[in-house]
Amino acid sequence: MTQTPDLFEMYRWVLMIICSVYTLACLGQTLFGWLDYFSQSRRTQVLGHYAMVLLLRARTRRFARDLWQIALLLVVFAVVVYAHRGLQGPT
């Protein structure tokens, strides 16, 4: 059996690809901007090293509750998607 392509499904895939590429481009541009800023002078280099040390000192224990909450919400989301596909039946 051949299925006819669903126009809305194709639209969602194209939109997902465009949004992903745009997000990665913006993220890369921002990271390169920060790297350029922190390499301008000795003072900003020291500031960049200080910021890096602060980021490395962040402990996951402080954020453990939030991380567990995110994991639980992802599991609930996966169960809802699985249940939705099961109730929808074969397409």
N, C-alpha and C. Protein backbone atom coordinates (compact mmCIF):
# COMPACT_ATOMS: atom_id res chain seq x y z
N MET A 1 0.82 -1.18 0.00
CA MET A 1 0.00 0.00 0.00
C MET A 1 0.87 1.25 0.00
N THR A 2 0.52 2.18 -0.81
CA THR A 2 1.24 3.45 -0.82
C THR A 2 0.39 4.50 -0.12
N GLN A 3 1.05 5.25 0.73
CA GLN A 3 0.35 6.31 1.43
C GLN A 3 0.60 7.62 0.73
N THR A 4 -0.39 8.45 0.70
CA THR A 4 -0.20 9.78 0.14
C THR A 4 0.48 10.64 1.18
N PRO A 5 1.41 11.47 0.76
CA PRO A 5 2.12 12.31 1.74
C PRO A 5 1.17 13.32 2.38
N ASP A 6 1.28 13.44 3.66
CA ASP A 6 0.46 14.38 4.41
C ASP A 6 1.12 15.75 4.37
N LEU A 7 0.42 16.74 3.88
CA LEU A 7 0.98 18.08 3.72
C LEU A 7 1.31 18.70 5.07
N PHE A 8 0.46 18.50 6.07
CA PHE A 8 0.72 19.06 7.39
C PHE A 8 1.94 18.41 8.04
N GLU A 9 2.10 17.11 7.83
CA GLU A 9 3.28 16.40 8.37
C GLU A 9 4.56 16.94 7.75
N MET A 10 4.54 17.15 6.45
CA MET A 10 5.72 17.72 5.77
C MET A 10 5.99 19.13 6.26
N TYR A 11 4.93 19.93 6.46
CA TYR A 11 5.09 21.29 6.97
C TYR A 11 5.74 21.28 8.35
N ARG A 12 5.31 20.37 9.22
CA ARG A 12 5.90 20.28 10.56
C ARG A 12 7.37 19.92 10.49
N TRP A 13 7.74 18.98 9.62
CA TRP A 13 9.14 18.59 9.50
C TRP A 13 9.99 19.74 8.98
N VAL A 14 9.51 20.43 7.95
CA VAL A 14 10.27 21.56 7.40
C VAL A 14 10.41 22.66 8.44
N LEU A 15 9.33 22.96 9.17
CA LEU A 15 9.38 23.98 10.21
C LEU A 15 10.35 23.58 11.32
N MET A 16 10.36 22.31 11.70
CA MET A 16 11.27 21.83 12.73
C MET A 16 12.73 21.99 12.29
N ILE A 17 13.01 21.65 11.05
CA ILE A 17 14.38 21.77 10.55
C ILE A 17 14.80 23.23 10.50
N ILE A 18 13.94 24.10 10.01
CA ILE A 18 14.27 25.52 9.92
C ILE A 18 14.51 26.12 11.30
N CYS A 19 13.64 25.80 12.25
CA CYS A 19 13.80 26.33 13.62
C CYS A 19 15.07 25.79 14.28
N SER A 20 15.40 24.53 14.05
CA SER A 20 16.61 23.95 14.64
C SER A 20 17.86 24.62 14.07
N VAL A 21 17.90 24.80 12.77
CA VAL A 21 19.06 25.44 12.15
C VAL A 21 19.19 26.89 12.63
N TYR A 22 18.07 27.60 12.72
CA TYR A 22 18.09 28.99 13.18
C TYR A 22 18.58 29.07 14.62
N THR A 23 18.11 28.16 15.48
CA THR A 23 18.53 28.15 16.88
C THR A 23 20.02 27.87 17.00
N LEU A 24 20.52 26.89 16.25
CA LEU A 24 21.95 26.59 16.30
C LEU A 24 22.78 27.76 15.77
N ALA A 25 22.31 28.43 14.74
CA ALA A 25 23.05 29.58 14.20
C ALA A 25 23.10 30.72 15.22
N CYS A 26 21.98 31.00 15.87
CA CYS A 26 21.95 32.06 16.89
C CYS A 26 22.83 31.71 18.08
N LEU A 27 22.79 30.45 18.50
CA LEU A 27 23.62 30.01 19.62
C LEU A 27 25.10 30.13 19.28
N GLY A 28 25.47 29.69 18.08
CA GLY A 28 26.87 29.80 17.66
C GLY A 28 27.32 31.24 17.56
N GLN A 29 26.48 32.11 17.03
CA GLN A 29 26.81 33.53 16.91
C GLN A 29 27.01 34.15 18.29
N THR A 30 26.16 33.78 19.24
CA THR A 30 26.28 34.32 20.60
C THR A 30 27.55 33.82 21.26
N LEU A 31 27.84 32.52 21.12
CA LEU A 31 29.07 31.98 21.73
C LEU A 31 30.32 32.61 21.15
N PHE A 32 30.37 32.78 19.84
CA PHE A 32 31.53 33.42 19.23
C PHE A 32 31.62 34.88 19.65
N GLY A 33 30.49 35.55 19.86
CA GLY A 33 30.51 36.93 20.35
C GLY A 33 31.10 37.02 21.75
N TRP A 34 30.70 36.08 22.63
CA TRP A 34 31.26 36.07 23.98
C TRP A 34 32.75 35.74 23.96
N LEU A 35 33.15 34.78 23.12
CA LEU A 35 34.57 34.47 23.02
C LEU A 35 35.36 35.67 22.53
N ASP A 36 34.82 36.39 21.58
CA ASP A 36 35.49 37.59 21.08
C ASP A 36 35.58 38.65 22.16
N TYR A 37 34.50 38.82 22.92
CA TYR A 37 34.49 39.81 24.00
C TYR A 37 35.52 39.47 25.07
N PHE A 38 35.59 38.21 25.47
CA PHE A 38 36.51 37.82 26.54
C PHE A 38 37.96 37.76 26.08
N SER A 39 38.23 37.90 24.80
CA SER A 39 39.62 37.89 24.34
C SER A 39 40.11 39.27 23.94
N GLN A 40 39.38 40.33 24.29
CA GLN A 40 39.76 41.67 23.86
C GLN A 40 40.95 42.22 24.63
N SER A 41 40.93 42.14 25.94
CA SER A 41 42.02 42.70 26.73
C SER A 41 42.33 41.77 27.90
N ARG A 42 43.38 42.10 28.61
CA ARG A 42 43.77 41.29 29.76
C ARG A 42 42.67 41.32 30.83
N ARG A 43 42.03 42.47 31.00
CA ARG A 43 41.00 42.59 32.02
C ARG A 43 39.79 41.71 31.70
N THR A 44 39.35 41.70 30.46
CA THR A 44 38.21 40.86 30.11
C THR A 44 38.59 39.39 30.09
N GLN A 45 39.86 39.08 29.83
CA GLN A 45 40.30 37.68 29.91
C GLN A 45 40.19 37.17 31.34
N VAL A 46 40.61 38.00 32.30
CA VAL A 46 40.51 37.62 33.71
C VAL A 46 39.03 37.47 34.09
N LEU A 47 38.20 38.38 33.60
CA LEU A 47 36.76 38.28 33.85
C LEU A 47 36.17 36.99 33.27
N GLY A 48 36.64 36.62 32.09
CA GLY A 48 36.18 35.37 31.47
C GLY A 48 36.61 34.14 32.26
N HIS A 49 37.85 34.16 32.75
CA HIS A 49 38.32 33.04 33.57
C HIS A 49 37.52 32.95 34.87
N TYR A 50 37.21 34.11 35.46
CA TYR A 50 36.41 34.12 36.68
C TYR A 50 35.01 33.56 36.43
N ALA A 51 34.41 33.95 35.31
CA ALA A 51 33.08 33.43 34.96
C ALA A 51 33.14 31.92 34.75
N MET A 52 34.20 31.43 34.12
CA MET A 52 34.34 29.99 33.90
C MET A 52 34.48 29.24 35.22
N VAL A 53 35.26 29.79 36.14
CA VAL A 53 35.43 29.15 37.45
C VAL A 53 34.09 29.11 38.18
N LEU A 54 33.31 30.19 38.11
CA LEU A 54 32.00 30.19 38.77
C LEU A 54 31.08 29.14 38.17
N LEU A 55 31.12 28.99 36.85
CA LEU A 55 30.29 27.96 36.20
C LEU A 55 30.72 26.56 36.59
N LEU A 56 32.03 26.34 36.72
CA LEU A 56 32.53 25.02 37.09
C LEU A 56 32.25 24.68 38.55
N ARG A 57 32.13 25.70 39.39
CA ARG A 57 31.89 25.46 40.82
C ARG A 57 30.43 25.20 41.12
N ALA A 58 29.56 25.43 40.16
CA ALA A 58 28.12 25.19 40.39
C ALA A 58 27.93 23.69 40.63
N ARG A 59 27.33 23.38 41.71
CA ARG A 59 27.12 21.98 42.10
C ARG A 59 25.76 21.50 41.63
N THR A 60 25.69 20.24 41.24
CA THR A 60 24.41 19.69 40.81
C THR A 60 23.49 19.41 41.99
N ARG A 61 24.05 19.31 43.21
CA ARG A 61 23.21 19.07 44.38
C ARG A 61 22.24 20.22 44.60
N ARG A 62 22.69 21.42 44.30
CA ARG A 62 21.82 22.58 44.47
C ARG A 62 20.62 22.51 43.53
N PHE A 63 20.85 21.92 42.37
CA PHE A 63 19.81 21.88 41.36
C PHE A 63 19.18 20.49 41.22
N ALA A 64 19.46 19.61 42.18
CA ALA A 64 18.98 18.23 42.08
C ALA A 64 17.46 18.17 42.04
N ARG A 65 16.80 18.97 42.86
CA ARG A 65 15.33 18.96 42.87
C ARG A 65 14.77 19.38 41.52
N ASP A 66 15.34 20.41 40.93
CA ASP A 66 14.88 20.86 39.62
C ASP A 66 15.16 19.81 38.54
N LEU A 67 16.32 19.16 38.64
CA LEU A 67 16.65 18.14 37.65
C LEU A 67 15.70 16.94 37.76
N TRP A 68 15.36 16.54 38.99
CA TRP A 68 14.40 15.45 39.18
C TRP A 68 13.02 15.84 38.65
N GLN A 69 12.64 17.09 38.87
CA GLN A 69 11.35 17.56 38.38
C GLN A 69 11.31 17.53 36.85
N ILE A 70 12.38 17.95 36.21
CA ILE A 70 12.45 17.91 34.75
C ILE A 70 12.37 16.47 34.25
N ALA A 71 13.10 15.57 34.91
CA ALA A 71 13.08 14.17 34.50
C ALA A 71 11.68 13.57 34.67
N LEU A 72 11.01 13.89 35.77
CA LEU A 72 9.65 13.38 36.00
C LEU A 72 8.68 13.92 34.94
N LEU A 73 8.79 15.19 34.61
CA LEU A 73 7.92 15.76 33.59
C LEU A 73 8.18 15.14 32.22
N LEU A 74 9.43 14.82 31.92
CA LEU A 74 9.74 14.15 30.66
C LEU A 74 9.14 12.76 30.61
N VAL A 75 9.17 12.05 31.73
CA VAL A 75 8.57 10.72 31.79
C VAL A 75 7.06 10.82 31.60
N VAL A 76 6.43 11.78 32.27
CA VAL A 76 4.98 11.96 32.12
C VAL A 76 4.65 12.31 30.66
N PHE A 77 5.44 13.17 30.05
CA PHE A 77 5.23 13.53 28.64
C PHE A 77 5.35 12.31 27.74
N ALA A 78 6.37 11.47 27.98
CA ALA A 78 6.55 10.27 27.17
C ALA A 78 5.37 9.31 27.34
N VAL A 79 4.86 9.17 28.55
CA VAL A 79 3.71 8.30 28.79
C VAL A 79 2.47 8.84 28.08
N VAL A 80 2.26 10.14 28.12
CA VAL A 80 1.11 10.74 27.44
C VAL A 80 1.20 10.55 25.93
N VAL A 81 2.40 10.74 25.37
CA VAL A 81 2.57 10.54 23.92
C VAL A 81 2.36 9.08 23.56
N TYR A 82 2.88 8.16 24.36
CA TYR A 82 2.70 6.74 24.10
C TYR A 82 1.22 6.37 24.19
N ALA A 83 0.53 6.88 25.21
CA ALA A 83 -0.90 6.58 25.37
C ALA A 83 -1.70 7.17 24.20
N HIS A 84 -1.32 8.35 23.77
CA HIS A 84 -2.03 8.97 22.66
C HIS A 84 -1.88 8.15 21.38
N ARG A 85 -0.68 7.66 21.14
CA ARG A 85 -0.47 6.82 19.96
C ARG A 85 -1.21 5.51 20.08
N GLY A 86 -1.30 4.96 21.28
CA GLY A 86 -2.02 3.71 21.48
C GLY A 86 -3.52 3.88 21.31
N LEU A 87 -4.05 5.00 21.78
CA LEU A 87 -5.48 5.24 21.64
C LEU A 87 -5.87 5.64 20.23
N GLN A 88 -4.92 6.22 19.52
CA GLN A 88 -5.20 6.67 18.15
C GLN A 88 -5.39 5.48 17.23
N GLY A 89 -4.70 4.40 17.51
CA GLY A 89 -4.84 3.20 16.68
C GLY A 89 -3.92 3.25 15.47
N PRO A 90 -3.90 2.17 14.70
CA PRO A 90 -3.01 2.13 13.55
C PRO A 90 -3.50 3.10 12.48
N THR A 91 -2.51 3.78 11.87
CA THR A 91 -2.85 4.74 10.82
C THR A 91 -2.43 4.23 9.48
